Amino acid sequence: MKTQKGNLRICNKGHKYYKSSNCPTCPTCEQERKPDNGFLSMLSAPARRALENNGVTTLQQVSKFSEKEILQFHGMGPASLPKLRTALQANGLAFKN
């Protein structure tokens, strides 16, 4: 039985990739954008984009939100909360209550 990989797409940079969803994100471009260090490097691509799309790029900015508010960001899932909590604690910060 042949497995469907999805639809062949080509991003603006010319990378070819298959997607079965409507998500327009190129996995190659996303990997190139991934930070080498810092708390954003610990997160999955959807969680990282969720923060970035909401203007959150520092731990100080994360600490201005409650966990419930962070989970409302499109792309942010509960698996990212422990990573964020640990990063915040390591820097003397915490989620807003």
PDB file of N, CA and C in Angstrom:
ATOM      1  N   MET A   1       0.841  -1.170   0.000  1.00  0.00           N
ATOM      2  CA  MET A   1       0.000   0.000   0.000  1.00  0.00           C
ATOM      3  C   MET A   1       0.888   1.235   0.000  1.00  0.00           C
ATOM      4  N   LYS A   2       0.602   2.189  -0.875  1.00  0.00           N
ATOM      5  CA  LYS A   2       1.392   3.407  -0.995  1.00  0.00           C
ATOM      6  C   LYS A   2       0.886   4.455  -0.008  1.00  0.00           C
ATOM      7  N   THR A   3       1.820   5.108   0.693  1.00  0.00           N
ATOM      8  CA  THR A   3       1.459   6.126   1.655  1.00  0.00           C
ATOM      9  C   THR A   3       1.532   7.500   1.010  1.00  0.00           C
ATOM     10  N   GLN A   4       0.509   8.311   1.202  1.00  0.00           N
ATOM     11  CA  GLN A   4       0.479   9.679   0.676  1.00  0.00           C
ATOM     12  C   GLN A   4       1.309  10.581   1.579  1.00  0.00           C
ATOM     13  N   LYS A   5       2.302  11.269   1.005  1.00  0.00           N
ATOM     14  CA  LYS A   5       3.153  12.179   1.768  1.00  0.00           C
ATOM     15  C   LYS A   5       2.529  13.552   1.902  1.00  0.00           C
ATOM     16  N   GLY A   6       1.573  13.863   1.099  1.00  0.00           N
ATOM     17  CA  GLY A   6       0.995  15.201   1.070  1.00  0.00           C
ATOM     18  C   GLY A   6       1.262  15.834  -0.277  1.00  0.00           C
ATOM     19  N   ASN A   7       1.021  17.115  -0.342  1.00  0.00           N
ATOM     20  CA  ASN A   7       1.203  17.852  -1.587  1.00  0.00           C
ATOM     21  C   ASN A   7       2.603  18.425  -1.661  1.00  0.00           C
ATOM     22  N   LEU A   8       3.211  18.318  -2.826  1.00  0.00           N
ATOM     23  CA  LEU A   8       4.532  18.909  -3.040  1.00  0.00           C
ATOM     24  C   LEU A   8       4.385  20.420  -3.097  1.00  0.00           C
ATOM     25  N   ARG A   9       5.209  21.100  -2.321  1.00  0.00           N
ATOM     26  CA  ARG A   9       5.201  22.565  -2.303  1.00  0.00           C
ATOM     27  C   ARG A   9       6.629  23.051  -2.464  1.00  0.00           C
ATOM     28  N   ILE A  10       6.746  24.294  -2.891  1.00  0.00           N
ATOM     29  CA  ILE A  10       8.053  24.930  -3.016  1.00  0.00           C
ATOM     30  C   ILE A  10       7.953  26.299  -2.355  1.00  0.00           C
ATOM     31  N   CYS A  11       8.841  26.566  -1.395  1.00  0.00           N
ATOM     32  CA  CYS A  11       8.793  27.843  -0.686  1.00  0.00           C
ATOM     33  C   CYS A  11       9.445  28.946  -1.525  1.00  0.00           C
ATOM     34  N   ASN A  12       9.400  30.163  -1.010  1.00  0.00           N
ATOM     35  CA  ASN A  12       9.975  31.313  -1.719  1.00  0.00           C
ATOM     36  C   ASN A  12      11.472  31.179  -1.942  1.00  0.00           C
ATOM     37  N   LYS A  13      12.137  30.399  -1.091  1.00  0.00           N
ATOM     38  CA  LYS A  13      13.583  30.195  -1.239  1.00  0.00           C
ATOM     39  C   LYS A  13      13.919  29.025  -2.157  1.00  0.00           C
ATOM     40  N   GLY A  14      12.890  28.331  -2.651  1.00  0.00           N
ATOM     41  CA  GLY A  14      13.105  27.221  -3.575  1.00  0.00           C
ATOM     42  C   GLY A  14      13.199  25.850  -2.936  1.00  0.00           C
ATOM     43  N   HIS A  15      12.981  25.737  -1.628  1.00  0.00           N
ATOM     44  CA  HIS A  15      13.001  24.434  -0.955  1.00  0.00           C
ATOM     45  C   HIS A  15      11.747  23.650  -1.325  1.00  0.00           C
ATOM     46  N   LYS A  16      11.922  22.388  -1.649  1.00  0.00           N
ATOM     47  CA  LYS A  16      10.790  21.513  -1.950  1.00  0.00           C
ATOM     48  C   LYS A  16      10.448  20.721  -0.701  1.00  0.00           C
ATOM     49  N   TYR A  17       9.162  20.627  -0.402  1.00  0.00           N
ATOM     50  CA  TYR A  17       8.705  19.874   0.765  1.00  0.00           C
ATOM     51  C   TYR A  17       7.280  19.408   0.542  1.00  0.00           C
ATOM     52  N   TYR A  18       6.878  18.386   1.297  1.00  0.00           N
ATOM     53  CA  TYR A  18       5.526  17.849   1.213  1.00  0.00           C
ATOM     54  C   TYR A  18       4.756  18.226   2.464  1.00  0.00           C
ATOM     55  N   LYS A  19       3.516  18.628   2.282  1.00  0.00           N
ATOM     56  CA  LYS A  19       2.637  18.938   3.409  1.00  0.00           C
ATOM     57  C   LYS A  19       1.260  18.370   3.122  1.00  0.00           C
ATOM     58  N   SER A  20       0.658  17.744   4.116  1.00  0.00           N
ATOM     59  CA  SER A  20      -0.701  17.234   3.953  1.00  0.00           C
ATOM     60  C   SER A  20      -1.713  18.214   4.547  1.00  0.00           C
ATOM     61  N   SER A  21      -1.210  19.219   5.290  1.00  0.00           N
ATOM     62  CA  SER A  21      -2.102  20.214   5.878  1.00  0.00           C
ATOM     63  C   SER A  21      -2.029  21.508   5.078  1.00  0.00           C
ATOM     64  N   ASN A  22      -2.780  22.497   5.507  1.00  0.00           N
ATOM     65  CA  ASN A  22      -2.763  23.804   4.855  1.00  0.00           C
ATOM     66  C   ASN A  22      -1.652  24.700   5.392  1.00  0.00           C
ATOM     67  N   CYS A  23      -0.863  24.215   6.314  1.00  0.00           N
ATOM     68  CA  CYS A  23       0.216  25.002   6.910  1.00  0.00           C
ATOM     69  C   CYS A  23       1.235  25.381   5.830  1.00  0.00           C
ATOM     70  N   PRO A  24       1.508  26.677   5.664  1.00  0.00           N
ATOM     71  CA  PRO A  24       2.422  27.120   4.615  1.00  0.00           C
ATOM     72  C   PRO A  24       3.899  27.129   5.021  1.00  0.00           C
ATOM     73  N   THR A  25       4.202  26.689   6.231  1.00  0.00           N
ATOM     74  CA  THR A  25       5.565  26.784   6.743  1.00  0.00           C
ATOM     75  C   THR A  25       6.484  25.745   6.122  1.00  0.00           C
ATOM     76  N   CYS A  26       7.591  26.207   5.559  1.00  0.00           N
ATOM     77  CA  CYS A  26       8.610  25.333   4.980  1.00  0.00           C
ATOM     78  C   CYS A  26       9.472  24.775   6.109  1.00  0.00           C
ATOM     79  N   PRO A  27       9.576  23.456   6.256  1.00  0.00           N
ATOM     80  CA  PRO A  27      10.372  22.882   7.333  1.00  0.00           C
ATOM     81  C   PRO A  27      11.863  23.230   7.237  1.00  0.00           C
ATOM     82  N   THR A  28      12.390  23.354   6.042  1.00  0.00           N
ATOM     83  CA  THR A  28      13.809  23.704   5.878  1.00  0.00           C
ATOM     84  C   THR A  28      14.054  25.134   6.336  1.00  0.00           C
ATOM     85  N   CYS A  29      13.205  26.047   5.910  1.00  0.00           N
ATOM     86  CA  CYS A  29      13.342  27.450   6.342  1.00  0.00           C
ATOM     87  C   CYS A  29      13.173  27.565   7.855  1.00  0.00           C
ATOM     88  N   GLU A  30      12.238  26.803   8.408  1.00  0.00           N
ATOM     89  CA  GLU A  30      11.993  26.852   9.852  1.00  0.00           C
ATOM     90  C   GLU A  30      13.206  26.349  10.623  1.00  0.00           C
ATOM     91  N   GLN A  31      13.852  25.311  10.135  1.00  0.00           N
ATOM     92  CA  GLN A  31      15.057  24.787  10.786  1.00  0.00           C
ATOM     93  C   GLN A  31      16.187  25.809  10.724  1.00  0.00           C
ATOM     94  N   GLU A  32      16.288  26.517   9.611  1.00  0.00           N
ATOM     95  CA  GLU A  32      17.319  27.547   9.471  1.00  0.00           C
ATOM     96  C   GLU A  32      17.080  28.715  10.431  1.00  0.00           C
ATOM     97  N   ARG A  33      15.817  28.986  10.745  1.00  0.00           N
ATOM     98  CA  ARG A  33      15.461  30.089  11.643  1.00  0.00           C
ATOM     99  C   ARG A  33      15.629  29.746  13.119  1.00  0.00           C
ATOM    100  N   LYS A  34      15.728  28.464  13.447  1.00  0.00           N
ATOM    101  CA  LYS A  34      15.775  28.043  14.846  1.00  0.00           C
ATOM    102  C   LYS A  34      17.005  28.616  15.531  1.00  0.00           C
ATOM    103  N   PRO A  35      16.821  29.284  16.688  1.00  0.00           N
ATOM    104  CA  PRO A  35      17.963  29.831  17.422  1.00  0.00           C
ATOM    105  C   PRO A  35      18.878  28.719  17.936  1.00  0.00           C
ATOM    106  N   ASP A  36      20.159  29.023  18.034  1.00  0.00           N
ATOM    107  CA  ASP A  36      21.131  28.053  18.542  1.00  0.00           C
ATOM    108  C   ASP A  36      21.122  27.964  20.055  1.00  0.00           C
ATOM    109  N   ASN A  37      20.693  29.035  20.725  1.00  0.00           N
ATOM    110  CA  ASN A  37      20.679  29.033  22.184  1.00  0.00           C
ATOM    111  C   ASN A  37      19.543  29.912  22.688  1.00  0.00           C
ATOM    112  N   GLY A  38      19.392  29.946  23.994  1.00  0.00           N
ATOM    113  CA  GLY A  38      18.307  30.703  24.602  1.00  0.00           C
ATOM    114  C   GLY A  38      17.056  29.866  24.753  1.00  0.00           C
ATOM    115  N   PHE A  39      16.085  30.436  25.438  1.00  0.00           N
ATOM    116  CA  PHE A  39      14.877  29.666  25.737  1.00  0.00           C
ATOM    117  C   PHE A  39      14.069  29.322  24.483  1.00  0.00           C
ATOM    118  N   LEU A  40      14.122  30.159  23.458  1.00  0.00           N
ATOM    119  CA  LEU A  40      13.377  29.861  22.232  1.00  0.00           C
ATOM    120  C   LEU A  40      13.924  28.621  21.518  1.00  0.00           C
ATOM    121  N   SER A  41      15.210  28.325  21.714  1.00  0.00           N
ATOM    122  CA  SER A  41      15.808  27.152  21.067  1.00  0.00           C
ATOM    123  C   SER A  41      15.289  25.838  21.662  1.00  0.00           C
ATOM    124  N   MET A  42      14.723  25.898  22.866  1.00  0.00           N
ATOM    125  CA  MET A  42      14.223  24.698  23.537  1.00  0.00           C
ATOM    126  C   MET A  42      12.805  24.341  23.095  1.00  0.00           C
ATOM    127  N   LEU A  43      12.133  25.260  22.425  1.00  0.00           N
ATOM    128  CA  LEU A  43      10.729  25.070  22.078  1.00  0.00           C
ATOM    129  C   LEU A  43      10.559  24.477  20.688  1.00  0.00           C
ATOM    130  N   SER A  44       9.416  23.845  20.484  1.00  0.00           N
ATOM    131  CA  SER A  44       9.075  23.347  19.149  1.00  0.00           C
ATOM    132  C   SER A  44       8.838  24.551  18.240  1.00  0.00           C
ATOM    133  N   ALA A  45       8.908  24.326  16.949  1.00  0.00           N
ATOM    134  CA  ALA A  45       8.708  25.408  15.979  1.00  0.00           C
ATOM    135  C   ALA A  45       7.332  26.074  16.138  1.00  0.00           C
ATOM    136  N   PRO A  46       6.239  25.307  16.293  1.00  0.00           N
ATOM    137  CA  PRO A  46       4.942  25.974  16.463  1.00  0.00           C
ATOM    138  C   PRO A  46       4.871  26.835  17.728  1.00  0.00           C
ATOM    139  N   ALA A  47       5.452  26.342  18.817  1.00  0.00           N
ATOM    140  CA  ALA A  47       5.438  27.105  20.070  1.00  0.00           C
ATOM    141  C   ALA A  47       6.295  28.369  19.935  1.00  0.00           C
ATOM    142  N   ARG A  48       7.440  28.232  19.295  1.00  0.00           N
ATOM    143  CA  ARG A  48       8.313  29.395  19.090  1.00  0.00           C
ATOM    144  C   ARG A  48       7.612  30.450  18.230  1.00  0.00           C
ATOM    145  N   ARG A  49       6.984  30.005  17.158  1.00  0.00           N
ATOM    146  CA  ARG A  49       6.247  30.937  16.290  1.00  0.00           C
ATOM    147  C   ARG A  49       5.083  31.577  17.034  1.00  0.00           C
ATOM    148  N   ALA A  50       4.419  30.807  17.915  1.00  0.00           N
ATOM    149  CA  ALA A  50       3.298  31.345  18.690  1.00  0.00           C
ATOM    150  C   ALA A  50       3.753  32.528  19.534  1.00  0.00           C
ATOM    151  N   LEU A  51       4.894  32.383  20.181  1.00  0.00           N
ATOM    152  CA  LEU A  51       5.420  33.486  20.987  1.00  0.00           C
ATOM    153  C   LEU A  51       5.827  34.653  20.090  1.00  0.00           C
ATOM    154  N   GLU A  52       6.594  34.368  19.056  1.00  0.00           N
ATOM    155  CA  GLU A  52       7.084  35.418  18.161  1.00  0.00           C
ATOM    156  C   GLU A  52       5.924  36.189  17.514  1.00  0.00           C
ATOM    157  N   ASN A  53       4.885  35.470  17.106  1.00  0.00           N
ATOM    158  CA  ASN A  53       3.739  36.119  16.472  1.00  0.00           C
ATOM    159  C   ASN A  53       2.967  37.022  17.426  1.00  0.00           C
ATOM    160  N   ASN A  54       3.194  36.819  18.722  1.00  0.00           N
ATOM    161  CA  ASN A  54       2.567  37.658  19.734  1.00  0.00           C
ATOM    162  C   ASN A  54       3.553  38.660  20.326  1.00  0.00           C
ATOM    163  N   GLY A  55       4.700  38.824  19.663  1.00  0.00           N
ATOM    164  CA  GLY A  55       5.679  39.812  20.082  1.00  0.00           C
ATOM    165  C   GLY A  55       6.481  39.435  21.316  1.00  0.00           C
ATOM    166  N   VAL A  56       6.493  38.156  21.653  1.00  0.00           N
ATOM    167  CA  VAL A  56       7.192  37.687  22.851  1.00  0.00           C
ATOM    168  C   VAL A  56       8.500  37.031  22.428  1.00  0.00           C
ATOM    169  N   THR A  57       9.616  37.698  22.736  1.00  0.00           N
ATOM    170  CA  THR A  57      10.922  37.165  22.345  1.00  0.00           C
ATOM    171  C   THR A  57      11.913  37.108  23.505  1.00  0.00           C
ATOM    172  N   THR A  58      11.491  37.555  24.682  1.00  0.00           N
ATOM    173  CA  THR A  58      12.372  37.502  25.854  1.00  0.00           C
ATOM    174  C   THR A  58      11.638  36.845  27.018  1.00  0.00           C
ATOM    175  N   LEU A  59      12.389  36.340  27.972  1.00  0.00           N
ATOM    176  CA  LEU A  59      11.774  35.746  29.158  1.00  0.00           C
ATOM    177  C   LEU A  59      11.039  36.799  29.977  1.00  0.00           C
ATOM    178  N   GLN A  60      11.539  38.022  29.991  1.00  0.00           N
ATOM    179  CA  GLN A  60      10.869  39.101  30.714  1.00  0.00           C
ATOM    180  C   GLN A  60       9.462  39.308  30.132  1.00  0.00           C
ATOM    181  N   GLN A  61       9.351  39.198  28.814  1.00  0.00           N
ATOM    182  CA  GLN A  61       8.038  39.329  28.176  1.00  0.00           C
ATOM    183  C   GLN A  61       7.150  38.134  28.511  1.00  0.00           C
ATOM    184  N   VAL A  62       7.731  36.938  28.556  1.00  0.00           N
ATOM    185  CA  VAL A  62       6.956  35.737  28.919  1.00  0.00           C
ATOM    186  C   VAL A  62       6.377  35.907  30.319  1.00  0.00           C
ATOM    187  N   SER A  63       7.162  36.471  31.235  1.00  0.00           N
ATOM    188  CA  SER A  63       6.738  36.595  32.638  1.00  0.00           C
ATOM    189  C   SER A  63       5.554  37.556  32.822  1.00  0.00           C
ATOM    190  N   LYS A  64       5.207  38.300  31.799  1.00  0.00           N
ATOM    191  CA  LYS A  64       4.067  39.217  31.879  1.00  0.00           C
ATOM    192  C   LYS A  64       2.742  38.508  31.589  1.00  0.00           C
ATOM    193  N   PHE A  65       2.823  37.230  31.240  1.00  0.00           N
ATOM    194  CA  PHE A  65       1.636  36.444  30.916  1.00  0.00           C
ATOM    195  C   PHE A  65       1.447  35.327  31.929  1.00  0.00           C
ATOM    196  N   SER A  66       0.195  34.924  32.126  1.00  0.00           N
ATOM    197  CA  SER A  66      -0.081  33.729  32.927  1.00  0.00           C
ATOM    198  C   SER A  66       0.069  32.508  32.018  1.00  0.00           C
ATOM    199  N   GLU A  67       0.154  31.336  32.624  1.00  0.00           N
ATOM    200  CA  GLU A  67       0.229  30.102  31.829  1.00  0.00           C
ATOM    201  C   GLU A  67      -1.016  29.963  30.961  1.00  0.00           C
ATOM    202  N   LYS A  68      -2.154  30.305  31.512  1.00  0.00           N
ATOM    203  CA  LYS A  68      -3.413  30.208  30.769  1.00  0.00           C
ATOM    204  C   LYS A  68      -3.384  31.123  29.546  1.00  0.00           C
ATOM    205  N   GLU A  69      -2.858  32.334  29.704  1.00  0.00           N
ATOM    206  CA  GLU A  69      -2.773  33.274  28.588  1.00  0.00           C
ATOM    207  C   GLU A  69      -1.821  32.758  27.504  1.00  0.00           C
ATOM    208  N   ILE A  70      -0.686  32.200  27.925  1.00  0.00           N
ATOM    209  CA  ILE A  70       0.286  31.655  26.967  1.00  0.00           C
ATOM    210  C   ILE A  70      -0.342  30.517  26.167  1.00  0.00           C
ATOM    211  N   LEU A  71      -1.117  29.675  26.829  1.00  0.00           N
ATOM    212  CA  LEU A  71      -1.755  28.542  26.144  1.00  0.00           C
ATOM    213  C   LEU A  71      -2.808  28.989  25.130  1.00  0.00           C
ATOM    214  N   GLN A  72      -3.273  30.216  25.232  1.00  0.00           N
ATOM    215  CA  GLN A  72      -4.253  30.741  24.272  1.00  0.00           C
ATOM    216  C   GLN A  72      -3.603  31.116  22.946  1.00  0.00           C
ATOM    217  N   PHE A  73      -2.269  31.246  22.915  1.00  0.00           N
ATOM    218  CA  PHE A  73      -1.579  31.589  21.669  1.00  0.00           C
ATOM    219  C   PHE A  73      -1.696  30.423  20.708  1.00  0.00           C
ATOM    220  N   HIS A  74      -2.086  30.709  19.472  1.00  0.00           N
ATOM    221  CA  HIS A  74      -2.214  29.666  18.458  1.00  0.00           C
ATOM    222  C   HIS A  74      -0.853  29.011  18.216  1.00  0.00           C
ATOM    223  N   GLY A  75      -0.789  27.699  18.418  1.00  0.00           N
ATOM    224  CA  GLY A  75       0.451  26.959  18.220  1.00  0.00           C
ATOM    225  C   GLY A  75       1.139  26.567  19.516  1.00  0.00           C
ATOM    226  N   MET A  76       0.714  27.148  20.625  1.00  0.00           N
ATOM    227  CA  MET A  76       1.331  26.847  21.921  1.00  0.00           C
ATOM    228  C   MET A  76       0.575  25.699  22.565  1.00  0.00           C
ATOM    229  N   GLY A  77       1.316  24.683  22.986  1.00  0.00           N
ATOM    230  CA  GLY A  77       0.697  23.535  23.637  1.00  0.00           C
ATOM    231  C   GLY A  77       1.209  23.348  25.046  1.00  0.00           C
ATOM    232  N   PRO A  78       0.546  22.516  25.827  1.00  0.00           N
ATOM    233  CA  PRO A  78       0.922  22.305  27.222  1.00  0.00           C
ATOM    234  C   PRO A  78       2.319  21.709  27.411  1.00  0.00           C
ATOM    235  N   ALA A  79       2.853  21.032  26.412  1.00  0.00           N
ATOM    236  CA  ALA A  79       4.193  20.434  26.538  1.00  0.00           C
ATOM    237  C   ALA A  79       5.278  21.506  26.639  1.00  0.00           C
ATOM    238  N   SER A  80       4.990  22.707  26.188  1.00  0.00           N
ATOM    239  CA  SER A  80       5.981  23.786  26.231  1.00  0.00           C
ATOM    240  C   SER A  80       6.036  24.475  27.589  1.00  0.00           C
ATOM    241  N   LEU A  81       4.998  24.352  28.393  1.00  0.00           N
ATOM    242  CA  LEU A  81       4.957  25.048  29.677  1.00  0.00           C
ATOM    243  C   LEU A  81       6.086  24.657  30.627  1.00  0.00           C
ATOM    244  N   PRO A  82       6.396  23.357  30.791  1.00  0.00           N
ATOM    245  CA  PRO A  82       7.508  23.015  31.695  1.00  0.00           C
ATOM    246  C   PRO A  82       8.839  23.624  31.238  1.00  0.00           C
ATOM    247  N   LYS A  83       9.074  23.672  29.937  1.00  0.00           N
ATOM    248  CA  LYS A  83      10.311  24.263  29.420  1.00  0.00           C
ATOM    249  C   LYS A  83      10.348  25.753  29.718  1.00  0.00           C
ATOM    250  N   LEU A  84       9.227  26.416  29.533  1.00  0.00           N
ATOM    251  CA  LEU A  84       9.160  27.847  29.829  1.00  0.00           C
ATOM    252  C   LEU A  84       9.305  28.102  31.329  1.00  0.00           C
ATOM    253  N   ARG A  85       8.645  27.288  32.148  1.00  0.00           N
ATOM    254  CA  ARG A  85       8.727  27.422  33.603  1.00  0.00           C
ATOM    255  C   ARG A  85      10.179  27.291  34.073  1.00  0.00           C
ATOM    256  N   THR A  86      10.876  26.283  33.551  1.00  0.00           N
ATOM    257  CA  THR A  86      12.275  26.044  33.922  1.00  0.00           C
ATOM    258  C   THR A  86      13.150  27.219  33.513  1.00  0.00           C
ATOM    259  N   ALA A  87      12.961  27.724  32.315  1.00  0.00           N
ATOM    260  CA  ALA A  87      13.754  28.869  31.834  1.00  0.00           C
ATOM    261  C   ALA A  87      13.479  30.100  32.674  1.00  0.00           C
ATOM    262  N   LEU A  88      12.208  30.326  32.996  1.00  0.00           N
ATOM    263  CA  LEU A  88      11.863  31.471  33.835  1.00  0.00           C
ATOM    264  C   LEU A  88      12.506  31.352  35.220  1.00  0.00           C
ATOM    265  N   GLN A  89      12.380  30.183  35.850  1.00  0.00           N
ATOM    266  CA  GLN A  89      12.946  29.967  37.188  1.00  0.00           C
ATOM    267  C   GLN A  89      14.449  30.151  37.195  1.00  0.00           C
ATOM    268  N   ALA A  90      15.128  29.678  36.153  1.00  0.00           N
ATOM    269  CA  ALA A  90      16.585  29.801  36.060  1.00  0.00           C
ATOM    270  C   ALA A  90      17.020  31.261  35.978  1.00  0.00           C
ATOM    271  N   ASN A  91      16.103  32.132  35.597  1.00  0.00           N
ATOM    272  CA  ASN A  91      16.411  33.563  35.489  1.00  0.00           C
ATOM    273  C   ASN A  91      15.702  34.392  36.538  1.00  0.00           C
ATOM    274  N   GLY A  92      15.225  33.733  37.588  1.00  0.00           N
ATOM    275  CA  GLY A  92      14.576  34.452  38.694  1.00  0.00           C
ATOM    276  C   GLY A  92      13.235  35.040  38.335  1.00  0.00           C
ATOM    277  N   LEU A  93      12.556  34.438  37.358  1.00  0.00           N
ATOM    278  CA  LEU A  93      11.268  34.946  36.902  1.00  0.00           C
ATOM    279  C   LEU A  93      10.206  33.869  37.054  1.00  0.00           C
ATOM    280  N   ALA A  94       8.949  34.245  36.857  1.00  0.00           N
ATOM    281  CA  ALA A  94       7.848  33.295  36.900  1.00  0.00           C
ATOM    282  C   ALA A  94       6.704  33.827  36.046  1.00  0.00           C
ATOM    283  N   PHE A  95       5.767  32.929  35.724  1.00  0.00           N
ATOM    284  CA  PHE A  95       4.565  33.358  35.026  1.00  0.00           C
ATOM    285  C   PHE A  95       3.772  34.285  35.930  1.00  0.00           C
ATOM    286  N   LYS A  96       3.007  35.191  35.323  1.00  0.00           N
ATOM    287  CA  LYS A  96       2.105  36.069  36.064  1.00  0.00           C
ATOM    288  C   LYS A  96       1.028  35.193  36.712  1.00  0.00           C
ATOM    289  N   ASN A  97       0.586  35.568  37.889  1.00  0.00           N
ATOM    290  CA  ASN A  97      -0.473  34.806  38.574  1.00  0.00           C
ATOM    291  C   ASN A  97      -1.831  35.190  38.085  1.00  0.00           C
TER     292      ASN A  97
END
